[in-house]
């Protein structure tokens, strides 16, 4: 039986992050343009803007920028090696304004390979 959503129902969870208690070997990143899995072993820096709208992951070979809101949950999951998948919310997800303030919402993931000069600097 199909359930219809009423106006006073809680908005759907966008599920932008999947975690598990056992440390993950790779962090999978999915955007509408690409899917990439990068090993935690090559993650050298993780930083979060104080307003929780941008997260940067610096790998030996790549720079990953995650844009959204309430990204503190994702920061913590990655720092504890529990995040296994980050994904961009569907474009038709219209309930962003009504999400609880602690729910992570990923709008964009940019994955940039580093050139040889940038890799040597690391």
C-alpha atoms as a PDB file:
ATOM      1  CA  UNK A   1       0.000   0.000   0.000  1.00  0.00           C
ATOM      2  CA  UNK A   2       1.327   3.456  -0.906  1.00  0.00           C
ATOM      3  CA  UNK A   3       1.616   6.020   1.835  1.00  0.00           C
ATOM      4  CA  UNK A   4       0.747   9.592   0.999  1.00  0.00           C
ATOM      5  CA  UNK A   5       2.587  12.345   2.772  1.00  0.00           C
ATOM      6  CA  UNK A   6       0.608  14.892   4.728  1.00  0.00           C
ATOM      7  CA  UNK A   7       1.744  18.459   5.327  1.00  0.00           C
ATOM      8  CA  UNK A   8       2.418  17.831   9.016  1.00  0.00           C
ATOM      9  CA  UNK A   9       4.490  14.694   8.361  1.00  0.00           C
ATOM     10  CA  UNK A  10       8.208  14.895   9.013  1.00  0.00           C
ATOM     11  CA  UNK A  11      10.166  15.561   5.783  1.00  0.00           C
ATOM     12  CA  UNK A  12      11.974  12.692   4.125  1.00  0.00           C
ATOM     13  CA  UNK A  13      15.557  12.120   5.213  1.00  0.00           C
ATOM     14  CA  UNK A  14      17.839  12.983   2.273  1.00  0.00           C
ATOM     15  CA  UNK A  15      20.355  10.282   3.376  1.00  0.00           C
ATOM     16  CA  UNK A  16      23.447  12.151   2.187  1.00  0.00           C
ATOM     17  CA  UNK A  17      25.775  10.093   4.394  1.00  0.00           C
ATOM     18  CA  UNK A  18      25.944   6.378   5.167  1.00  0.00           C
ATOM     19  CA  UNK A  19      28.009   5.234   8.113  1.00  0.00           C
ATOM     20  CA  UNK A  20      28.992   2.070   9.891  1.00  0.00           C
ATOM     21  CA  UNK A  21      30.722   1.427  13.186  1.00  0.00           C
ATOM     22  CA  UNK A  22      33.492  -0.686  11.658  1.00  0.00           C
ATOM     23  CA  UNK A  23      36.145   1.554  10.089  1.00  0.00           C
ATOM     24  CA  UNK A  24      35.804   1.794   6.314  1.00  0.00           C
ATOM     25  CA  UNK A  25      38.749   1.293   3.955  1.00  0.00           C
ATOM     26  CA  UNK A  26      37.333   3.641   1.294  1.00  0.00           C
ATOM     27  CA  UNK A  27      35.083   6.680   1.257  1.00  0.00           C
ATOM     28  CA  UNK A  28      32.702   6.510  -1.700  1.00  0.00           C
ATOM     29  CA  UNK A  29      31.651   9.864  -3.177  1.00  0.00           C
ATOM     30  CA  UNK A  30      28.664  10.112  -5.519  1.00  0.00           C
ATOM     31  CA  UNK A  31      27.514  13.119  -7.469  1.00  0.00           C
ATOM     32  CA  UNK A  32      25.330  13.340 -10.574  1.00  0.00           C
ATOM     33  CA  UNK A  33      28.529  13.546 -12.677  1.00  0.00           C
ATOM     34  CA  UNK A  34      30.738  10.869 -11.157  1.00  0.00           C
ATOM     35  CA  UNK A  35      31.411   8.206  -8.560  1.00  0.00           C
ATOM     36  CA  UNK A  36      34.791   7.897  -6.909  1.00  0.00           C
ATOM     37  CA  UNK A  37      36.084   5.806  -4.023  1.00  0.00           C
ATOM     38  CA  UNK A  38      39.159   7.169  -2.255  1.00  0.00           C
ATOM     39  CA  UNK A  39      41.090   5.266   0.435  1.00  0.00           C
ATOM     40  CA  UNK A  40      41.064   6.652   3.956  1.00  0.00           C
ATOM     41  CA  UNK A  41      44.769   5.779   4.108  1.00  0.00           C
ATOM     42  CA  UNK A  42      45.554   8.650   1.702  1.00  0.00           C
ATOM     43  CA  UNK A  43      43.434  11.266   3.539  1.00  0.00           C
ATOM     44  CA  UNK A  44      45.872  13.797   4.976  1.00  0.00           C
ATOM     45  CA  UNK A  45      43.638  16.685   6.082  1.00  0.00           C
ATOM     46  CA  UNK A  46      39.987  17.297   6.875  1.00  0.00           C
ATOM     47  CA  UNK A  47      38.540  20.761   7.480  1.00  0.00           C
ATOM     48  CA  UNK A  48      35.054  22.153   8.080  1.00  0.00           C
ATOM     49  CA  UNK A  49      33.966  25.776   7.770  1.00  0.00           C
ATOM     50  CA  UNK A  50      32.671  27.071  11.081  1.00  0.00           C
ATOM     51  CA  UNK A  51      29.208  27.664   9.604  1.00  0.00           C
ATOM     52  CA  UNK A  52      29.033  23.995   8.526  1.00  0.00           C
ATOM     53  CA  UNK A  53      28.484  24.744   4.820  1.00  0.00           C
ATOM     54  CA  UNK A  54      31.748  23.457   3.331  1.00  0.00           C
ATOM     55  CA  UNK A  55      33.932  20.475   4.069  1.00  0.00           C
ATOM     56  CA  UNK A  56      37.317  19.932   2.445  1.00  0.00           C
ATOM     57  CA  UNK A  57      39.055  16.579   2.293  1.00  0.00           C
ATOM     58  CA  UNK A  58      42.684  16.687   1.196  1.00  0.00           C
ATOM     59  CA  UNK A  59      44.018  13.421  -0.160  1.00  0.00           C
ATOM     60  CA  UNK A  60      47.497  12.698  -1.467  1.00  0.00           C
ATOM     61  CA  UNK A  61      46.119  12.644  -5.035  1.00  0.00           C
ATOM     62  CA  UNK A  62      42.824  14.585  -4.862  1.00  0.00           C
ATOM     63  CA  UNK A  63      41.047  17.524  -3.284  1.00  0.00           C
ATOM     64  CA  UNK A  64      37.384  16.945  -2.439  1.00  0.00           C
ATOM     65  CA  UNK A  65      35.035  19.804  -1.572  1.00  0.00           C
ATOM     66  CA  UNK A  66      31.609  19.044  -0.141  1.00  0.00           C
ATOM     67  CA  UNK A  67      29.092  21.916  -0.184  1.00  0.00           C
ATOM     68  CA  UNK A  68      25.820  21.859   1.738  1.00  0.00           C
ATOM     69  CA  UNK A  69      24.521  22.581   5.211  1.00  0.00           C
ATOM     70  CA  UNK A  70      24.898  21.007   8.637  1.00  0.00           C
ATOM     71  CA  UNK A  71      28.015  19.167   7.493  1.00  0.00           C
ATOM     72  CA  UNK A  72      29.295  18.694  11.051  1.00  0.00           C
ATOM     73  CA  UNK A  73      27.750  15.208  11.136  1.00  0.00           C
ATOM     74  CA  UNK A  74      29.720  14.256   8.013  1.00  0.00           C
ATOM     75  CA  UNK A  75      32.917  15.832   9.379  1.00  0.00           C
ATOM     76  CA  UNK A  76      32.632  13.716  12.528  1.00  0.00           C
ATOM     77  CA  UNK A  77      31.844  10.518  10.586  1.00  0.00           C
ATOM     78  CA  UNK A  78      34.846  11.015   8.273  1.00  0.00           C
ATOM     79  CA  UNK A  79      37.164  11.971  11.159  1.00  0.00           C
ATOM     80  CA  UNK A  80      36.182   8.753  12.943  1.00  0.00           C
ATOM     81  CA  UNK A  81      36.555   6.699   9.701  1.00  0.00           C
ATOM     82  CA  UNK A  82      32.891   5.662   9.916  1.00  0.00           C
ATOM     83  CA  UNK A  83      31.550   7.346   6.761  1.00  0.00           C
ATOM     84  CA  UNK A  84      31.398   4.965   3.858  1.00  0.00           C
ATOM     85  CA  UNK A  85      29.287   6.943   1.354  1.00  0.00           C
ATOM     86  CA  UNK A  86      28.642  10.634   0.713  1.00  0.00           C
ATOM     87  CA  UNK A  87      26.053  11.470  -1.900  1.00  0.00           C
ATOM     88  CA  UNK A  88      24.465  14.594  -3.293  1.00  0.00           C
ATOM     89  CA  UNK A  89      20.808  15.088  -2.425  1.00  0.00           C
ATOM     90  CA  UNK A  90      18.380  14.623  -5.318  1.00  0.00           C
ATOM     91  CA  UNK A  91      17.701  17.870  -7.194  1.00  0.00           C
ATOM     92  CA  UNK A  92      13.984  17.504  -6.616  1.00  0.00           C
ATOM     93  CA  UNK A  93      14.407  17.368  -2.819  1.00  0.00           C
ATOM     94  CA  UNK A  94      12.296  20.350  -1.795  1.00  0.00           C
ATOM     95  CA  UNK A  95      12.159  19.823   1.986  1.00  0.00           C
ATOM     96  CA  UNK A  96      15.593  21.287   2.795  1.00  0.00           C
ATOM     97  CA  UNK A  97      14.160  24.221   4.753  1.00  0.00           C
ATOM     98  CA  UNK A  98      12.103  21.960   6.990  1.00  0.00           C
ATOM     99  CA  UNK A  99      14.889  19.499   7.877  1.00  0.00           C
ATOM    100  CA  UNK A 100      16.041  19.388  11.502  1.00  0.00           C
ATOM    101  CA  UNK A 101      19.078  21.599  12.070  1.00  0.00           C
ATOM    102  CA  UNK A 102      21.326  18.605  12.698  1.00  0.00           C
ATOM    103  CA  UNK A 103      20.559  16.758   9.428  1.00  0.00           C
ATOM    104  CA  UNK A 104      23.396  16.921   6.902  1.00  0.00           C
ATOM    105  CA  UNK A 105      22.427  18.012   3.408  1.00  0.00           C
ATOM    106  CA  UNK A 106      24.957  17.723   0.569  1.00  0.00           C
ATOM    107  CA  UNK A 107      24.259  19.933  -2.446  1.00  0.00           C
ATOM    108  CA  UNK A 108      27.531  19.445  -4.336  1.00  0.00           C
ATOM    109  CA  UNK A 109      30.658  17.310  -4.305  1.00  0.00           C
ATOM    110  CA  UNK A 110      33.683  18.483  -6.294  1.00  0.00           C
ATOM    111  CA  UNK A 111      36.482  15.991  -6.838  1.00  0.00           C
ATOM    112  CA  UNK A 112      39.656  17.481  -8.276  1.00  0.00           C
ATOM    113  CA  UNK A 113      42.740  15.399  -9.083  1.00  0.00           C
ATOM    114  CA  UNK A 114      45.960  17.130  -8.084  1.00  0.00           C
ATOM    115  CA  UNK A 115      48.650  17.729 -10.649  1.00  0.00           C
ATOM    116  CA  UNK A 116      52.209  16.473 -10.043  1.00  0.00           C
ATOM    117  CA  UNK A 117      53.435  19.784  -8.595  1.00  0.00           C
ATOM    118  CA  UNK A 118      50.604  19.922  -6.056  1.00  0.00           C
ATOM    119  CA  UNK A 119      51.246  16.311  -5.048  1.00  0.00           C
ATOM    120  CA  UNK A 120      54.935  17.013  -4.408  1.00  0.00           C
ATOM    121  CA  UNK A 121      54.012  19.876  -2.061  1.00  0.00           C
ATOM    122  CA  UNK A 122      52.049  17.482   0.141  1.00  0.00           C
END
